[in-house]
Amino acid sequence: AKQGAQRQVGHFAGIPFLEGNVDTSQWKYRL
């Protein structure tokens, strides 16, 4: 398992999405 921005944090159909690609600023109500 990789760490940092390249860490896999989930998948869709076995395709991983990476921590560094998730833009949490789009979820404006999360404090």
Full PDB file with SEQRES, HELIX, SHEET, SSBOND, CRYST1, ORIGX, SCALE, CONECT and MASTER records, all heavy atoms in Angstrom:
SEQRES   1 A   31  ALA LYS GLN GLY ALA GLN ARG GLN VAL GLY HIS PHE ALA          
SEQRES   2 A   31  GLY ILE PRO PHE LEU GLU GLY ASN VAL ASP THR SER GLN          
SEQRES   3 A   31  TRP LYS TYR ARG LEU                                          
HELIX    1 AA1 GLY A    4  GLN A    6  5                                   3    
HELIX    2 AA2 GLU A   19  ASN A   21  5                                   3    
HELIX    3 AA3 THR A   24  GLN A   26  5                                   3    
SHEET    1 AA1 2 GLN A   8  PHE A  12  0                                        
SHEET    2 AA1 2 ILE A  15  LEU A  18 -1                                        
CRYST1    1.000    1.000    1.000  90.00  90.00  90.00 P 1           1          
ORIGX1      1.000000  0.000000  0.000000        0.00000                         
ORIGX2      0.000000  1.000000  0.000000        0.00000                         
ORIGX3      0.000000  0.000000  1.000000        0.00000                         
SCALE1      1.000000  0.000000  0.000000        0.00000                         
SCALE2      0.000000  1.000000  0.000000        0.00000                         
SCALE3      0.000000  0.000000  1.000000        0.00000                         
ATOM      1  N   ALA A   1       0.834  -1.203   0.000  1.00  0.00           N  
ATOM      2  CA  ALA A   1       0.000   0.000   0.000  1.00  0.00           C  
ATOM      3  C   ALA A   1       0.868   1.253   0.000  1.00  0.00           C  
ATOM      4  O   ALA A   1       1.798   1.386   0.789  1.00  0.00           O  
ATOM      5  CB  ALA A   1      -0.912  -0.007   1.219  1.00  0.00           C  
ATOM      6  N   LYS A   2       0.560   2.175  -0.899  1.00  0.00           N  
ATOM      7  CA  LYS A   2       1.289   3.432  -0.961  1.00  0.00           C  
ATOM      8  C   LYS A   2       0.710   4.415   0.055  1.00  0.00           C  
ATOM      9  O   LYS A   2      -0.411   4.265   0.518  1.00  0.00           O  
ATOM     10  CB  LYS A   2       1.212   4.014  -2.373  1.00  0.00           C  
ATOM     11  CG  LYS A   2       1.880   3.146  -3.435  1.00  0.00           C  
ATOM     12  CD  LYS A   2       1.776   3.776  -4.812  1.00  0.00           C  
ATOM     13  CE  LYS A   2       2.451   2.894  -5.868  1.00  0.00           C  
ATOM     14  NZ  LYS A   2       2.345   3.487  -7.230  1.00  0.00           N  
ATOM     15  N   GLN A   3       1.494   5.432   0.370  1.00  0.00           N  
ATOM     16  CA  GLN A   3       1.075   6.425   1.338  1.00  0.00           C  
ATOM     17  C   GLN A   3       1.018   7.799   0.681  1.00  0.00           C  
ATOM     18  O   GLN A   3       1.442   7.989  -0.454  1.00  0.00           O  
ATOM     19  CB  GLN A   3       2.036   6.431   2.529  1.00  0.00           C  
ATOM     20  CG  GLN A   3       2.095   5.102   3.279  1.00  0.00           C  
ATOM     21  CD  GLN A   3       0.757   4.650   3.806  1.00  0.00           C  
ATOM     22  OE1 GLN A   3      -0.014   5.446   4.359  1.00  0.00           O  
ATOM     23  NE2 GLN A   3       0.441   3.368   3.625  1.00  0.00           N  
ATOM     24  N   GLY A   4       0.504   8.772   1.428  1.00  0.00           N  
ATOM     25  CA  GLY A   4       0.443  10.133   0.925  1.00  0.00           C  
ATOM     26  C   GLY A   4      -0.586  10.294  -0.173  1.00  0.00           C  
ATOM     27  O   GLY A   4      -1.628   9.637  -0.178  1.00  0.00           O  
ATOM     28  N   ALA A   5      -0.286  11.172  -1.137  1.00  0.00           N  
ATOM     29  CA  ALA A   5      -1.234  11.486  -2.212  1.00  0.00           C  
ATOM     30  C   ALA A   5      -1.550  10.281  -3.076  1.00  0.00           C  
ATOM     31  O   ALA A   5      -2.621  10.205  -3.686  1.00  0.00           O  
ATOM     32  CB  ALA A   5      -0.678  12.614  -3.080  1.00  0.00           C  
ATOM     33  N   GLN A   6      -0.631   9.305  -3.130  1.00  0.00           N  
ATOM     34  CA  GLN A   6      -0.837   8.116  -3.953  1.00  0.00           C  
ATOM     35  C   GLN A   6      -1.533   6.988  -3.197  1.00  0.00           C  
ATOM     36  O   GLN A   6      -1.702   5.895  -3.744  1.00  0.00           O  
ATOM     37  CB  GLN A   6       0.512   7.620  -4.482  1.00  0.00           C  
ATOM     38  CG  GLN A   6       1.165   8.570  -5.474  1.00  0.00           C  
ATOM     39  CD  GLN A   6       0.296   8.808  -6.691  1.00  0.00           C  
ATOM     40  OE1 GLN A   6      -0.114   7.866  -7.370  1.00  0.00           O  
ATOM     41  NE2 GLN A   6      -0.002  10.070  -6.975  1.00  0.00           N  
ATOM     42  N   ARG A   7      -1.949   7.237  -1.964  1.00  0.00           N  
ATOM     43  CA  ARG A   7      -2.618   6.196  -1.185  1.00  0.00           C  
ATOM     44  C   ARG A   7      -3.999   5.915  -1.748  1.00  0.00           C  
ATOM     45  O   ARG A   7      -4.793   6.826  -1.977  1.00  0.00           O  
ATOM     46  CB  ARG A   7      -2.737   6.628   0.284  1.00  0.00           C  
ATOM     47  CG  ARG A   7      -3.359   5.570   1.186  1.00  0.00           C  
ATOM     48  CD  ARG A   7      -3.222   5.953   2.646  1.00  0.00           C  
ATOM     49  NE  ARG A   7      -4.150   6.995   3.024  1.00  0.00           N  
ATOM     50  CZ  ARG A   7      -5.340   6.772   3.595  1.00  0.00           C  
ATOM     51  NH1 ARG A   7      -5.741   5.537   3.830  1.00  0.00           N  
ATOM     52  NH2 ARG A   7      -6.123   7.787   3.932  1.00  0.00           N  
ATOM     53  N   GLN A   8      -4.291   4.632  -1.973  1.00  0.00           N  
ATOM     54  CA  GLN A   8      -5.620   4.246  -2.432  1.00  0.00           C  
ATOM     55  C   GLN A   8      -6.599   4.366  -1.280  1.00  0.00           C  
ATOM     56  O   GLN A   8      -6.387   3.809  -0.207  1.00  0.00           O  
ATOM     57  CB  GLN A   8      -5.629   2.811  -2.952  1.00  0.00           C  
ATOM     58  CG  GLN A   8      -7.016   2.338  -3.391  1.00  0.00           C  
ATOM     59  CD  GLN A   8      -7.015   0.905  -3.878  1.00  0.00           C  
ATOM     60  OE1 GLN A   8      -5.986   0.386  -4.302  1.00  0.00           O  
ATOM     61  NE2 GLN A   8      -8.162   0.258  -3.818  1.00  0.00           N  
ATOM     62  N   VAL A   9      -7.678   5.107  -1.500  1.00  0.00           N  
ATOM     63  CA  VAL A   9      -8.655   5.328  -0.432  1.00  0.00           C  
ATOM     64  C   VAL A   9     -10.027   4.775  -0.780  1.00  0.00           C  
ATOM     65  O   VAL A   9     -10.995   5.016  -0.067  1.00  0.00           O  
ATOM     66  CB  VAL A   9      -8.747   6.832  -0.093  1.00  0.00           C  
ATOM     67  CG1 VAL A   9      -7.495   7.288   0.645  1.00  0.00           C  
ATOM     68  CG2 VAL A   9      -8.969   7.684  -1.339  1.00  0.00           C  
ATOM     69  N   GLY A  10     -10.102   4.039  -1.867  1.00  0.00           N  
ATOM     70  CA  GLY A  10     -11.362   3.414  -2.264  1.00  0.00           C  
ATOM     71  C   GLY A  10     -11.264   2.959  -3.699  1.00  0.00           C  
ATOM     72  O   GLY A  10     -10.227   3.109  -4.360  1.00  0.00           O  
ATOM     73  N   HIS A  11     -12.352   2.373  -4.186  1.00  0.00           N  
ATOM     74  CA  HIS A  11     -12.334   1.920  -5.579  1.00  0.00           C  
ATOM     75  C   HIS A  11     -13.747   1.886  -6.140  1.00  0.00           C  
ATOM     76  O   HIS A  11     -14.739   1.874  -5.399  1.00  0.00           O  
ATOM     77  CB  HIS A  11     -11.681   0.537  -5.699  1.00  0.00           C  
ATOM     78  CG  HIS A  11     -12.586  -0.593  -5.268  1.00  0.00           C  
ATOM     79  ND1 HIS A  11     -13.404  -1.280  -6.144  1.00  0.00           N  
ATOM     80  CD2 HIS A  11     -12.795  -1.147  -4.057  1.00  0.00           C  
ATOM     81  CE1 HIS A  11     -14.074  -2.202  -5.488  1.00  0.00           C  
ATOM     82  NE2 HIS A  11     -13.731  -2.146  -4.223  1.00  0.00           N  
ATOM     83  N   PHE A  12     -13.824   1.860  -7.455  1.00  0.00           N  
ATOM     84  CA  PHE A  12     -15.068   1.622  -8.182  1.00  0.00           C  
ATOM     85  C   PHE A  12     -14.748   0.568  -9.228  1.00  0.00           C  
ATOM     86  O   PHE A  12     -13.880   0.771 -10.074  1.00  0.00           O  
ATOM     87  CB  PHE A  12     -15.566   2.907  -8.856  1.00  0.00           C  
ATOM     88  CG  PHE A  12     -16.825   2.718  -9.664  1.00  0.00           C  
ATOM     89  CD1 PHE A  12     -18.063   2.770  -9.066  1.00  0.00           C  
ATOM     90  CD2 PHE A  12     -16.759   2.475 -11.036  1.00  0.00           C  
ATOM     91  CE1 PHE A  12     -19.225   2.589  -9.813  1.00  0.00           C  
ATOM     92  CE2 PHE A  12     -17.904   2.302 -11.786  1.00  0.00           C  
ATOM     93  CZ  PHE A  12     -19.139   2.354 -11.167  1.00  0.00           C  
ATOM     94  N   ALA A  13     -15.401  -0.583  -9.134  1.00  0.00           N  
ATOM     95  CA  ALA A  13     -15.172  -1.689 -10.074  1.00  0.00           C  
ATOM     96  C   ALA A  13     -13.705  -2.105 -10.106  1.00  0.00           C  
ATOM     97  O   ALA A  13     -13.184  -2.499 -11.141  1.00  0.00           O  
ATOM     98  CB  ALA A  13     -15.645  -1.318 -11.472  1.00  0.00           C  
ATOM     99  N   GLY A  14     -13.047  -2.015  -8.964  1.00  0.00           N  
ATOM    100  CA  GLY A  14     -11.639  -2.379  -8.895  1.00  0.00           C  
ATOM    101  C   GLY A  14     -10.689  -1.292  -9.337  1.00  0.00           C  
ATOM    102  O   GLY A  14      -9.471  -1.464  -9.263  1.00  0.00           O  
ATOM    103  N   ILE A  15     -11.199  -0.166  -9.816  1.00  0.00           N  
ATOM    104  CA  ILE A  15     -10.356   0.966 -10.222  1.00  0.00           C  
ATOM    105  C   ILE A  15     -10.138   1.850  -9.000  1.00  0.00           C  
ATOM    106  O   ILE A  15     -11.097   2.396  -8.449  1.00  0.00           O  
ATOM    107  CB  ILE A  15     -11.026   1.783 -11.338  1.00  0.00           C  
ATOM    108  CG1 ILE A  15     -11.425   0.885 -12.509  1.00  0.00           C  
ATOM    109  CG2 ILE A  15     -10.104   2.901 -11.803  1.00  0.00           C  
ATOM    110  CD1 ILE A  15     -12.319   1.578 -13.527  1.00  0.00           C  
ATOM    111  N   PRO A  16      -8.900   2.001  -8.551  1.00  0.00           N  
ATOM    112  CA  PRO A  16      -8.675   2.771  -7.327  1.00  0.00           C  
ATOM    113  C   PRO A  16      -8.825   4.275  -7.551  1.00  0.00           C  
ATOM    114  O   PRO A  16      -8.560   4.783  -8.636  1.00  0.00           O  
ATOM    115  CB  PRO A  16      -7.226   2.428  -6.961  1.00  0.00           C  
ATOM    116  CG  PRO A  16      -6.580   2.091  -8.261  1.00  0.00           C  
ATOM    117  CD  PRO A  16      -7.654   1.444  -9.101  1.00  0.00           C  
ATOM    118  N   PHE A  17      -9.288   4.965  -6.516  1.00  0.00           N  
ATOM    119  CA  PHE A  17      -9.149   6.423  -6.525  1.00  0.00           C  
ATOM    120  C   PHE A  17      -8.204   6.792  -5.389  1.00  0.00           C  
ATOM    121  O   PHE A  17      -8.168   6.143  -4.342  1.00  0.00           O  
ATOM    122  CB  PHE A  17     -10.486   7.158  -6.448  1.00  0.00           C  
ATOM    123  CG  PHE A  17     -11.378   6.834  -5.277  1.00  0.00           C  
ATOM    124  CD1 PHE A  17     -11.286   7.530  -4.082  1.00  0.00           C  
ATOM    125  CD2 PHE A  17     -12.363   5.853  -5.394  1.00  0.00           C  
ATOM    126  CE1 PHE A  17     -12.123   7.251  -3.012  1.00  0.00           C  
ATOM    127  CE2 PHE A  17     -13.210   5.560  -4.328  1.00  0.00           C  
ATOM    128  CZ  PHE A  17     -13.091   6.258  -3.136  1.00  0.00           C  
ATOM    129  N   LEU A  18      -7.400   7.817  -5.646  1.00  0.00           N  
ATOM    130  CA  LEU A  18      -6.274   8.144  -4.790  1.00  0.00           C  
ATOM    131  C   LEU A  18      -6.560   9.359  -3.913  1.00  0.00           C  
ATOM    132  O   LEU A  18      -7.288  10.274  -4.315  1.00  0.00           O  
ATOM    133  CB  LEU A  18      -5.030   8.403  -5.640  1.00  0.00           C  
ATOM    134  CG  LEU A  18      -4.661   7.291  -6.631  1.00  0.00           C  
ATOM    135  CD1 LEU A  18      -3.426   7.677  -7.434  1.00  0.00           C  
ATOM    136  CD2 LEU A  18      -4.443   5.959  -5.910  1.00  0.00           C  
ATOM    137  N   GLU A  19      -5.949   9.363  -2.747  1.00  0.00           N  
ATOM    138  CA  GLU A  19      -6.187  10.431  -1.778  1.00  0.00           C  
ATOM    139  C   GLU A  19      -5.876  11.805  -2.365  1.00  0.00           C  
ATOM    140  O   GLU A  19      -6.620  12.772  -2.155  1.00  0.00           O  
ATOM    141  CB  GLU A  19      -5.323  10.186  -0.541  1.00  0.00           C  
ATOM    142  CG  GLU A  19      -5.550  11.183   0.573  1.00  0.00           C  
ATOM    143  CD  GLU A  19      -4.860  10.798   1.858  1.00  0.00           C  
ATOM    144  OE1 GLU A  19      -4.040   9.863   1.850  1.00  0.00           O  
ATOM    145  OE2 GLU A  19      -5.141  11.434   2.885  1.00  0.00           O  
ATOM    146  N   GLY A  20      -4.801  11.899  -3.141  1.00  0.00           N  
ATOM    147  CA  GLY A  20      -4.400  13.188  -3.687  1.00  0.00           C  
ATOM    148  C   GLY A  20      -5.330  13.728  -4.748  1.00  0.00           C  
ATOM    149  O   GLY A  20      -5.279  14.929  -5.068  1.00  0.00           O  
ATOM    150  N   ASN A  21      -6.187  12.888  -5.301  1.00  0.00           N  
ATOM    151  CA  ASN A  21      -7.125  13.329  -6.341  1.00  0.00           C  
ATOM    152  C   ASN A  21      -8.473  13.764  -5.791  1.00  0.00           C  
ATOM    153  O   ASN A  21      -9.297  14.300  -6.543  1.00  0.00           O  
ATOM    154  CB  ASN A  21      -7.341  12.219  -7.368  1.00  0.00           C  
ATOM    155  CG  ASN A  21      -6.198  12.093  -8.345  1.00  0.00           C  
ATOM    156  OD1 ASN A  21      -5.407  13.020  -8.508  1.00  0.00           O  
ATOM    157  ND2 ASN A  21      -6.094  10.950  -9.003  1.00  0.00           N  
ATOM    158  N   VAL A  22      -8.721  13.506  -4.520  1.00  0.00           N  
ATOM    159  CA  VAL A  22     -10.025  13.836  -3.934  1.00  0.00           C  
ATOM    160  C   VAL A  22      -9.991  15.272  -3.408  1.00  0.00           C  
ATOM    161  O   VAL A  22      -9.204  15.599  -2.515  1.00  0.00           O  
ATOM    162  CB  VAL A  22     -10.395  12.852  -2.806  1.00  0.00           C  
ATOM    163  CG1 VAL A  22     -11.740  13.236  -2.199  1.00  0.00           C  
ATOM    164  CG2 VAL A  22     -10.432  11.421  -3.331  1.00  0.00           C  
ATOM    165  N   ASP A  23     -10.834  16.111  -3.964  1.00  0.00           N  
ATOM    166  CA  ASP A  23     -10.882  17.529  -3.607  1.00  0.00           C  
ATOM    167  C   ASP A  23     -11.978  17.745  -2.563  1.00  0.00           C  
ATOM    168  O   ASP A  23     -13.136  18.012  -2.891  1.00  0.00           O  
ATOM    169  CB  ASP A  23     -11.151  18.364  -4.859  1.00  0.00           C  
ATOM    170  CG  ASP A  23     -11.192  19.856  -4.566  1.00  0.00           C  
ATOM    171  OD1 ASP A  23     -10.850  20.257  -3.438  1.00  0.00           O  
ATOM    172  OD2 ASP A  23     -11.590  20.619  -5.478  1.00  0.00           O  
ATOM    173  N   THR A  24     -11.619  17.639  -1.295  1.00  0.00           N  
ATOM    174  CA  THR A  24     -12.615  17.755  -0.228  1.00  0.00           C  
ATOM    175  C   THR A  24     -13.161  19.169  -0.086  1.00  0.00           C  
ATOM    176  O   THR A  24     -14.187  19.367   0.573  1.00  0.00           O  
ATOM    177  CB  THR A  24     -12.001  17.311   1.117  1.00  0.00           C  
ATOM    178  OG1 THR A  24     -10.848  18.112   1.391  1.00  0.00           O  
ATOM    179  CG2 THR A  24     -11.579  15.843   1.069  1.00  0.00           C  
ATOM    180  N   SER A  25     -12.517  20.153  -0.711  1.00  0.00           N  
ATOM    181  CA  SER A  25     -13.029  21.523  -0.641  1.00  0.00           C  
ATOM    182  C   SER A  25     -14.365  21.657  -1.365  1.00  0.00           C  
ATOM    183  O   SER A  25     -15.102  22.628  -1.153  1.00  0.00           O  
ATOM    184  CB  SER A  25     -12.012  22.505  -1.230  1.00  0.00           C  
ATOM    185  OG  SER A  25     -11.876  22.319  -2.636  1.00  0.00           O  
ATOM    186  N   GLN A  26     -14.699  20.691  -2.220  1.00  0.00           N  
ATOM    187  CA  GLN A  26     -15.991  20.718  -2.910  1.00  0.00           C  
ATOM    188  C   GLN A  26     -17.145  20.399  -1.959  1.00  0.00           C  
ATOM    189  O   GLN A  26     -18.295  20.681  -2.271  1.00  0.00           O  
ATOM    190  CB  GLN A  26     -15.975  19.731  -4.079  1.00  0.00           C  
ATOM    191  CG  GLN A  26     -15.024  20.111  -5.200  1.00  0.00           C  
ATOM    192  CD  GLN A  26     -15.172  19.222  -6.416  1.00  0.00           C  
ATOM    193  OE1 GLN A  26     -16.229  18.637  -6.660  1.00  0.00           O  
ATOM    194  NE2 GLN A  26     -14.109  19.110  -7.206  1.00  0.00           N  
ATOM    195  N   TRP A  27     -16.851  19.798  -0.827  1.00  0.00           N  
ATOM    196  CA  TRP A  27     -17.881  19.471   0.164  1.00  0.00           C  
ATOM    197  C   TRP A  27     -17.925  20.599   1.181  1.00  0.00           C  
ATOM    198  O   TRP A  27     -17.355  20.516   2.270  1.00  0.00           O  
ATOM    199  CB  TRP A  27     -17.573  18.130   0.819  1.00  0.00           C  
ATOM    200  CG  TRP A  27     -17.402  17.019  -0.184  1.00  0.00           C  
ATOM    201  CD1 TRP A  27     -18.050  16.898  -1.392  1.00  0.00           C  
ATOM    202  CD2 TRP A  27     -16.527  15.892  -0.107  1.00  0.00           C  
ATOM    203  NE1 TRP A  27     -17.632  15.768  -2.054  1.00  0.00           N  
ATOM    204  CE2 TRP A  27     -16.703  15.131  -1.296  1.00  0.00           C  
ATOM    205  CE3 TRP A  27     -15.617  15.449   0.841  1.00  0.00           C  
ATOM    206  CZ2 TRP A  27     -15.992  13.942  -1.539  1.00  0.00           C  
ATOM    207  CZ3 TRP A  27     -14.917  14.277   0.605  1.00  0.00           C  
ATOM    208  CH2 TRP A  27     -15.105  13.533  -0.564  1.00  0.00           C  
ATOM    209  N   LYS A  28     -18.590  21.673   0.854  1.00  0.00           N  
ATOM    210  CA  LYS A  28     -18.477  22.932   1.596  1.00  0.00           C  
ATOM    211  C   LYS A  28     -19.078  22.877   2.995  1.00  0.00           C  
ATOM    212  O   LYS A  28     -18.798  23.754   3.818  1.00  0.00           O  
ATOM    213  CB  LYS A  28     -19.097  24.071   0.796  1.00  0.00           C  
ATOM    214  CG  LYS A  28     -20.581  23.882   0.482  1.00  0.00           C  
ATOM    215  CD  LYS A  28     -21.095  25.057  -0.348  1.00  0.00           C  
ATOM    216  CE  LYS A  28     -22.583  24.899  -0.673  1.00  0.00           C  
ATOM    217  NZ  LYS A  28     -23.086  26.051  -1.444  1.00  0.00           N  
ATOM    218  N   TYR A  29     -19.920  21.890   3.265  1.00  0.00           N  
ATOM    219  CA  TYR A  29     -20.529  21.814   4.587  1.00  0.00           C  
ATOM    220  C   TYR A  29     -19.769  20.901   5.547  1.00  0.00           C  
ATOM    221  O   TYR A  29     -20.219  20.671   6.673  1.00  0.00           O  
ATOM    222  CB  TYR A  29     -21.987  21.366   4.489  1.00  0.00           C  
ATOM    223  CG  TYR A  29     -22.870  22.380   3.792  1.00  0.00           C  
ATOM    224  CD1 TYR A  29     -23.595  22.040   2.657  1.00  0.00           C  
ATOM    225  CD2 TYR A  29     -22.971  23.680   4.269  1.00  0.00           C  
ATOM    226  CE1 TYR A  29     -24.397  22.971   2.011  1.00  0.00           C  
ATOM    227  CE2 TYR A  29     -23.761  24.626   3.638  1.00  0.00           C  
ATOM    228  CZ  TYR A  29     -24.476  24.261   2.502  1.00  0.00           C  
ATOM    229  OH  TYR A  29     -25.266  25.189   1.874  1.00  0.00           O  
ATOM    230  N   ARG A  30     -18.636  20.356   5.117  1.00  0.00           N  
ATOM    231  CA  ARG A  30     -17.814  19.558   6.016  1.00  0.00           C  
ATOM    232  C   ARG A  30     -16.795  20.488   6.687  1.00  0.00           C  
ATOM    233  O   ARG A  30     -16.004  21.149   6.021  1.00  0.00           O  
ATOM    234  CB  ARG A  30     -17.120  18.422   5.280  1.00  0.00           C  
ATOM    235  CG  ARG A  30     -18.111  17.392   4.745  1.00  0.00           C  
ATOM    236  CD  ARG A  30     -17.431  16.092   4.411  1.00  0.00           C  
ATOM    237  NE  ARG A  30     -16.870  15.435   5.593  1.00  0.00           N  
ATOM    238  CZ  ARG A  30     -17.569  14.699   6.442  1.00  0.00           C  
ATOM    239  NH1 ARG A  30     -18.874  14.519   6.253  1.00  0.00           N  
ATOM    240  NH2 ARG A  30     -16.977  14.122   7.474  1.00  0.00           N  
ATOM    241  N   LEU A  31     -16.841  20.526   8.008  1.00  0.00           N  
ATOM    242  CA  LEU A  31     -16.052  21.467   8.790  1.00  0.00           C  
ATOM    243  C   LEU A  31     -14.792  20.797   9.346  1.00  0.00           C  
ATOM    244  O   LEU A  31     -14.693  19.567   9.363  1.00  0.00           O  
ATOM    245  CB  LEU A  31     -16.906  21.999   9.945  1.00  0.00           C  
ATOM    246  CG  LEU A  31     -18.208  22.710   9.524  1.00  0.00           C  
ATOM    247  CD1 LEU A  31     -19.042  23.029  10.754  1.00  0.00           C  
ATOM    248  CD2 LEU A  31     -17.896  23.977   8.746  1.00  0.00           C  
TER     249      LEU A  31                                                      
MASTER        0    0    0    3    2    0    0    6  248    1    0    3          
END                                                                             
